[in-house]
Amino acid sequence: MDFKEDLREALKILREGGVILYPTDTVWGLGCDATSRHAVEKVFKIKQRKDSKSLIILVNGYAMLQRYVSNIPETAKELMEVTDKPLTIIYQEGMKLAPGVCNEDGSVGIRICMDDFCNELITRFRKPIISTSANLSGKPFPANFKEIDDKIIGSVDYVVKHRQNERGKNPPSSIIRAENNGTIKIIRE
């Protein structure tokens, strides 16, 4: 299956409220429509994870980010401009997202994706996509497709073919928290 066919199939599943298993700019992830309660509930069920733990979402650029965050601190903008590695930023107030995506305090982790496949998928979908590591809750995250548990693979509605043969180990993104007052806190380097 080629890149375009893979995109079409993944997009079809996302539009139907399904869950995909896909490569990101970091680790392989479980993805769904970040604005759909039903789809987000499916992700929690697949991961066997409590819905009190928030999820990270991917957007395709600054314009989409602005639609799902009430305030983007200047310090966060500056970090986005200078980073050359995947960076997830936790913003104080997410909006227009399904229950369970934002933390109990209303904050949400968002990454502007640096992967061609993901960016094209998000651009065509026109909404943010959940990106949570493709592992059962409490288990190590898979560094590549070969390390993904068969239970995860069998639980999703579509498995993206793109990059399945890669054996490199991509680390998870750095995570920072950007407060509205400009304070930055490093969560994971």
C-alpha atoms as a PDB file:
ATOM      1  CA  MET A   1       0.000   0.000   0.000  1.00  0.00           C
ATOM      2  CA  ASP A   2       1.412   3.380  -0.871  1.00  0.00           C
ATOM      3  CA  PHE A   3       1.539   6.566   1.210  1.00  0.00           C
ATOM      4  CA  LYS A   4      -1.616   8.069  -0.364  1.00  0.00           C
ATOM      5  CA  GLU A   5      -3.708   4.917   0.068  1.00  0.00           C
ATOM      6  CA  ASP A   6      -2.563   4.674   3.684  1.00  0.00           C
ATOM      7  CA  LEU A   7      -3.618   8.292   4.241  1.00  0.00           C
ATOM      8  CA  ARG A   8      -7.040   7.658   2.676  1.00  0.00           C
ATOM      9  CA  GLU A   9      -7.701   4.596   4.832  1.00  0.00           C
ATOM     10  CA  ALA A  10      -6.542   6.277   8.055  1.00  0.00           C
ATOM     11  CA  LEU A  11      -8.622   9.361   7.257  1.00  0.00           C
ATOM     12  CA  LYS A  12     -11.725   7.236   6.606  1.00  0.00           C
ATOM     13  CA  ILE A  13     -11.376   5.574  10.033  1.00  0.00           C
ATOM     14  CA  LEU A  14     -10.828   8.911  11.807  1.00  0.00           C
ATOM     15  CA  ARG A  15     -13.957  10.366  10.164  1.00  0.00           C
ATOM     16  CA  GLU A  16     -15.959   7.295  11.265  1.00  0.00           C
ATOM     17  CA  GLY A  17     -14.878   7.811  14.895  1.00  0.00           C
ATOM     18  CA  GLY A  18     -12.416   4.940  14.879  1.00  0.00           C
ATOM     19  CA  VAL A  19      -8.937   4.487  16.305  1.00  0.00           C
ATOM     20  CA  ILE A  20      -5.777   4.185  14.237  1.00  0.00           C
ATOM     21  CA  LEU A  21      -2.314   2.891  15.068  1.00  0.00           C
ATOM     22  CA  TYR A  22       0.184   5.199  13.368  1.00  0.00           C
ATOM     23  CA  PRO A  23       3.775   6.457  13.341  1.00  0.00           C
ATOM     24  CA  THR A  24       4.362   9.974  14.641  1.00  0.00           C
ATOM     25  CA  ASP A  25       7.403  12.221  14.814  1.00  0.00           C
ATOM     26  CA  THR A  26       8.256  10.376  18.046  1.00  0.00           C
ATOM     27  CA  VAL A  27       6.875   6.927  18.948  1.00  0.00           C
ATOM     28  CA  TRP A  28       4.072   4.860  17.380  1.00  0.00           C
ATOM     29  CA  GLY A  29       0.755   6.081  18.704  1.00  0.00           C
ATOM     30  CA  LEU A  30      -2.923   5.422  19.054  1.00  0.00           C
ATOM     31  CA  GLY A  31      -4.864   8.145  17.334  1.00  0.00           C
ATOM     32  CA  CYS A  32      -8.424   9.338  16.979  1.00  0.00           C
ATOM     33  CA  ASP A  33     -10.492  12.492  16.579  1.00  0.00           C
ATOM     34  CA  ALA A  34      -9.559  14.638  19.600  1.00  0.00           C
ATOM     35  CA  THR A  35     -13.002  16.273  19.496  1.00  0.00           C
ATOM     36  CA  SER A  36     -15.016  13.028  19.636  1.00  0.00           C
ATOM     37  CA  ARG A  37     -16.027  11.732  23.072  1.00  0.00           C
ATOM     38  CA  HIS A  38     -16.790   8.272  21.678  1.00  0.00           C
ATOM     39  CA  ALA A  39     -13.436   7.954  19.885  1.00  0.00           C
ATOM     40  CA  VAL A  40     -11.464   9.169  22.924  1.00  0.00           C
ATOM     41  CA  GLU A  41     -13.280   6.650  25.141  1.00  0.00           C
ATOM     42  CA  LYS A  42     -12.180   3.896  22.730  1.00  0.00           C
ATOM     43  CA  VAL A  43      -8.530   4.940  23.142  1.00  0.00           C
ATOM     44  CA  PHE A  44      -8.792   4.755  26.945  1.00  0.00           C
ATOM     45  CA  LYS A  45     -10.373   1.313  26.649  1.00  0.00           C
ATOM     46  CA  ILE A  46      -7.648   0.027  24.289  1.00  0.00           C
ATOM     47  CA  LYS A  47      -4.878   1.312  26.566  1.00  0.00           C
ATOM     48  CA  GLN A  48      -6.720   0.014  29.657  1.00  0.00           C
ATOM     49  CA  ARG A  49      -6.141   3.450  31.134  1.00  0.00           C
ATOM     50  CA  LYS A  50      -8.216   5.563  33.482  1.00  0.00           C
ATOM     51  CA  ASP A  51      -9.812   8.526  31.788  1.00  0.00           C
ATOM     52  CA  SER A  52      -8.566  10.817  34.544  1.00  0.00           C
ATOM     53  CA  LYS A  53      -5.130  10.846  32.845  1.00  0.00           C
ATOM     54  CA  SER A  54      -5.086  13.355  30.000  1.00  0.00           C
ATOM     55  CA  LEU A  55      -3.934  12.734  26.431  1.00  0.00           C
ATOM     56  CA  ILE A  56      -1.580  14.564  24.067  1.00  0.00           C
ATOM     57  CA  ILE A  57      -2.910  15.866  20.771  1.00  0.00           C
ATOM     58  CA  LEU A  58      -1.168  16.654  17.507  1.00  0.00           C
ATOM     59  CA  VAL A  59      -1.923  19.672  15.339  1.00  0.00           C
ATOM     60  CA  ASN A  60      -0.468  20.589  11.949  1.00  0.00           C
ATOM     61  CA  GLY A  61       0.580  24.155  12.750  1.00  0.00           C
ATOM     62  CA  TYR A  62       0.112  27.338  14.705  1.00  0.00           C
ATOM     63  CA  ALA A  63      -3.257  28.232  13.136  1.00  0.00           C
ATOM     64  CA  MET A  64      -4.819  24.946  14.281  1.00  0.00           C
ATOM     65  CA  LEU A  65      -3.198  25.298  17.708  1.00  0.00           C
ATOM     66  CA  GLN A  66      -4.934  28.653  18.182  1.00  0.00           C
ATOM     67  CA  ARG A  67      -8.353  27.035  17.675  1.00  0.00           C
ATOM     68  CA  TYR A  68      -7.889  24.619  20.611  1.00  0.00           C
ATOM     69  CA  VAL A  69      -6.038  26.700  23.214  1.00  0.00           C
ATOM     70  CA  SER A  70      -7.458  29.820  24.860  1.00  0.00           C
ATOM     71  CA  ASN A  71      -4.056  31.479  25.375  1.00  0.00           C
ATOM     72  CA  ILE A  72      -0.638  30.814  23.858  1.00  0.00           C
ATOM     73  CA  PRO A  73       2.008  32.477  26.025  1.00  0.00           C
ATOM     74  CA  GLU A  74       4.763  34.373  24.225  1.00  0.00           C
ATOM     75  CA  THR A  75       7.385  32.069  25.769  1.00  0.00           C
ATOM     76  CA  ALA A  76       5.678  29.056  24.164  1.00  0.00           C
ATOM     77  CA  LYS A  77       5.702  30.805  20.763  1.00  0.00           C
ATOM     78  CA  GLU A  78       9.412  31.516  21.121  1.00  0.00           C
ATOM     79  CA  LEU A  79      10.184  27.885  22.029  1.00  0.00           C
ATOM     80  CA  MET A  80       8.207  26.614  19.029  1.00  0.00           C
ATOM     81  CA  GLU A  81      10.211  28.859  16.733  1.00  0.00           C
ATOM     82  CA  VAL A  82      13.630  27.637  17.911  1.00  0.00           C
ATOM     83  CA  THR A  83      13.088  23.940  18.576  1.00  0.00           C
ATOM     84  CA  ASP A  84      14.306  21.425  16.043  1.00  0.00           C
ATOM     85  CA  LYS A  85      13.096  18.374  17.987  1.00  0.00           C
ATOM     86  CA  PRO A  86       9.547  17.266  18.814  1.00  0.00           C
ATOM     87  CA  LEU A  87       8.219  19.405  21.671  1.00  0.00           C
ATOM     88  CA  THR A  88       4.940  18.906  23.492  1.00  0.00           C
ATOM     89  CA  ILE A  89       3.726  22.007  25.290  1.00  0.00           C
ATOM     90  CA  ILE A  90       1.137  21.858  28.055  1.00  0.00           C
ATOM     91  CA  TYR A  91      -1.142  24.891  27.842  1.00  0.00           C
ATOM     92  CA  GLN A  92      -3.298  26.034  30.743  1.00  0.00           C
ATOM     93  CA  GLU A  93      -6.647  25.949  28.950  1.00  0.00           C
ATOM     94  CA  GLY A  94      -7.637  23.621  26.158  1.00  0.00           C
ATOM     95  CA  MET A  95     -10.965  24.153  24.421  1.00  0.00           C
ATOM     96  CA  LYS A  96     -13.310  22.443  21.943  1.00  0.00           C
ATOM     97  CA  LEU A  97     -11.838  19.032  22.818  1.00  0.00           C
ATOM     98  CA  ALA A  98     -13.558  15.823  23.926  1.00  0.00           C
ATOM     99  CA  PRO A  99     -13.820  15.000  27.641  1.00  0.00           C
ATOM    100  CA  GLY A 100     -10.717  13.157  28.816  1.00  0.00           C
ATOM    101  CA  VAL A 101      -8.366  14.978  26.459  1.00  0.00           C
ATOM    102  CA  CYS A 102      -7.712  17.841  28.854  1.00  0.00           C
ATOM    103  CA  ASN A 103      -6.387  17.293  32.359  1.00  0.00           C
ATOM    104  CA  GLU A 104      -8.734  17.814  35.317  1.00  0.00           C
ATOM    105  CA  ASP A 105      -7.323  21.359  35.699  1.00  0.00           C
ATOM    106  CA  GLY A 106      -8.252  22.152  32.064  1.00  0.00           C
ATOM    107  CA  SER A 107      -4.681  21.990  30.741  1.00  0.00           C
ATOM    108  CA  VAL A 108      -3.813  20.136  27.564  1.00  0.00           C
ATOM    109  CA  GLY A 109      -0.598  18.832  25.973  1.00  0.00           C
ATOM    110  CA  ILE A 110      -0.245  19.717  22.297  1.00  0.00           C
ATOM    111  CA  ARG A 111       2.539  19.138  19.799  1.00  0.00           C
ATOM    112  CA  ILE A 112       2.885  20.693  16.377  1.00  0.00           C
ATOM    113  CA  CYS A 113       3.852  17.557  14.521  1.00  0.00           C
ATOM    114  CA  MET A 114       7.087  17.348  12.514  1.00  0.00           C
ATOM    115  CA  ASP A 115       6.191  14.202  10.542  1.00  0.00           C
ATOM    116  CA  ASP A 116       5.075  14.377   6.890  1.00  0.00           C
ATOM    117  CA  PHE A 117       2.521  11.560   7.180  1.00  0.00           C
ATOM    118  CA  CYS A 118       0.958  12.963  10.369  1.00  0.00           C
ATOM    119  CA  ASN A 119       0.859  16.515   9.050  1.00  0.00           C
ATOM    120  CA  GLU A 120      -0.836  15.427   5.846  1.00  0.00           C
ATOM    121  CA  LEU A 121      -3.331  13.325   7.813  1.00  0.00           C
ATOM    122  CA  ILE A 122      -4.154  16.181  10.206  1.00  0.00           C
ATOM    123  CA  THR A 123      -4.384  18.687   7.347  1.00  0.00           C
ATOM    124  CA  ARG A 124      -6.871  16.501   5.475  1.00  0.00           C
ATOM    125  CA  PHE A 125      -8.808  15.671   8.653  1.00  0.00           C
ATOM    126  CA  ARG A 126      -8.928  19.386   9.598  1.00  0.00           C
ATOM    127  CA  LYS A 127      -8.971  18.598  13.330  1.00  0.00           C
ATOM    128  CA  PRO A 128      -6.406  17.589  15.944  1.00  0.00           C
ATOM    129  CA  ILE A 129      -5.614  13.909  16.451  1.00  0.00           C
ATOM    130  CA  ILE A 130      -4.923  12.130  19.720  1.00  0.00           C
ATOM    131  CA  SER A 131      -1.364  10.868  20.043  1.00  0.00           C
ATOM    132  CA  THR A 132      -0.823   8.520  22.945  1.00  0.00           C
ATOM    133  CA  SER A 133       1.874   5.866  22.926  1.00  0.00           C
ATOM    134  CA  ALA A 134       0.762   2.506  21.537  1.00  0.00           C
ATOM    135  CA  ASN A 135       1.123   0.525  24.743  1.00  0.00           C
ATOM    136  CA  LEU A 136      -1.062  -0.810  27.510  1.00  0.00           C
ATOM    137  CA  SER A 137      -1.151   1.535  30.493  1.00  0.00           C
ATOM    138  CA  GLY A 138       1.853   1.014  32.756  1.00  0.00           C
ATOM    139  CA  LYS A 139       3.872  -0.885  30.134  1.00  0.00           C
ATOM    140  CA  PRO A 140       6.914   0.557  28.313  1.00  0.00           C
ATOM    141  CA  PHE A 141       6.213   2.538  25.154  1.00  0.00           C
ATOM    142  CA  PRO A 142       7.202   0.855  21.877  1.00  0.00           C
ATOM    143  CA  ALA A 143      10.261   2.378  20.201  1.00  0.00           C
ATOM    144  CA  ASN A 144       9.189   0.987  16.814  1.00  0.00           C
ATOM    145  CA  PHE A 145       6.337  -0.993  15.250  1.00  0.00           C
ATOM    146  CA  LYS A 146       7.913  -4.378  15.991  1.00  0.00           C
ATOM    147  CA  GLU A 147       7.653  -3.682  19.757  1.00  0.00           C
ATOM    148  CA  ILE A 148       3.875  -3.018  19.761  1.00  0.00           C
ATOM    149  CA  ASP A 149       1.825  -5.542  21.738  1.00  0.00           C
ATOM    150  CA  ASP A 150      -0.460  -7.734  19.592  1.00  0.00           C
ATOM    151  CA  LYS A 151      -3.373  -6.789  21.882  1.00  0.00           C
ATOM    152  CA  ILE A 152      -2.969  -3.167  20.803  1.00  0.00           C
ATOM    153  CA  ILE A 153      -2.675  -4.074  17.108  1.00  0.00           C
ATOM    154  CA  GLY A 154      -5.805  -6.232  17.310  1.00  0.00           C
ATOM    155  CA  SER A 155      -7.827  -3.560  19.119  1.00  0.00           C
ATOM    156  CA  VAL A 156      -7.582  -0.691  16.637  1.00  0.00           C
ATOM    157  CA  ASP A 157      -9.703  -0.057  13.553  1.00  0.00           C
ATOM    158  CA  TYR A 158      -6.773   0.561  11.211  1.00  0.00           C
ATOM    159  CA  VAL A 159      -3.014  -0.033  11.319  1.00  0.00           C
ATOM    160  CA  VAL A 160      -1.008   2.372   9.173  1.00  0.00           C
ATOM    161  CA  LYS A 161       1.502   0.555   6.941  1.00  0.00           C
ATOM    162  CA  HIS A 162       3.822   3.551   6.495  1.00  0.00           C
ATOM    163  CA  ARG A 163       7.139   3.138   8.392  1.00  0.00           C
ATOM    164  CA  GLN A 164       6.330  -0.292   9.870  1.00  0.00           C
ATOM    165  CA  ASN A 165       9.698  -1.653   8.726  1.00  0.00           C
ATOM    166  CA  GLU A 166      11.775   1.009  10.469  1.00  0.00           C
ATOM    167  CA  ARG A 167      13.767  -0.414  13.365  1.00  0.00           C
ATOM    168  CA  GLY A 168      15.212   2.782  14.818  1.00  0.00           C
ATOM    169  CA  LYS A 169      14.261   3.858  18.301  1.00  0.00           C
ATOM    170  CA  ASN A 170      12.626   7.267  18.370  1.00  0.00           C
ATOM    171  CA  PRO A 171      12.434   8.848  21.814  1.00  0.00           C
ATOM    172  CA  PRO A 172       9.253  10.484  23.104  1.00  0.00           C
ATOM    173  CA  SER A 173       9.015  14.264  22.835  1.00  0.00           C
ATOM    174  CA  SER A 174      10.279  16.738  25.377  1.00  0.00           C
ATOM    175  CA  ILE A 175       7.416  18.138  27.447  1.00  0.00           C
ATOM    176  CA  ILE A 176       7.192  21.596  28.956  1.00  0.00           C
ATOM    177  CA  ARG A 177       4.395  23.385  30.736  1.00  0.00           C
ATOM    178  CA  ALA A 178       3.779  26.975  29.626  1.00  0.00           C
ATOM    179  CA  GLU A 179       1.886  29.070  32.143  1.00  0.00           C
ATOM    180  CA  ASN A 180      -0.113  32.086  30.987  1.00  0.00           C
ATOM    181  CA  ASN A 181       2.201  34.340  33.019  1.00  0.00           C
ATOM    182  CA  GLY A 182       5.193  33.227  30.897  1.00  0.00           C
ATOM    183  CA  THR A 183       6.648  30.719  33.360  1.00  0.00           C
ATOM    184  CA  ILE A 184       8.033  27.551  31.788  1.00  0.00           C
ATOM    185  CA  LYS A 185       8.426  24.258  33.641  1.00  0.00           C
ATOM    186  CA  ILE A 186      10.308  21.309  32.118  1.00  0.00           C
ATOM    187  CA  ILE A 187       8.316  18.088  32.613  1.00  0.00           C
ATOM    188  CA  ARG A 188      10.427  15.743  30.458  1.00  0.00           C
ATOM    189  CA  GLU A 189      13.660  16.598  28.621  1.00  0.00           C
END
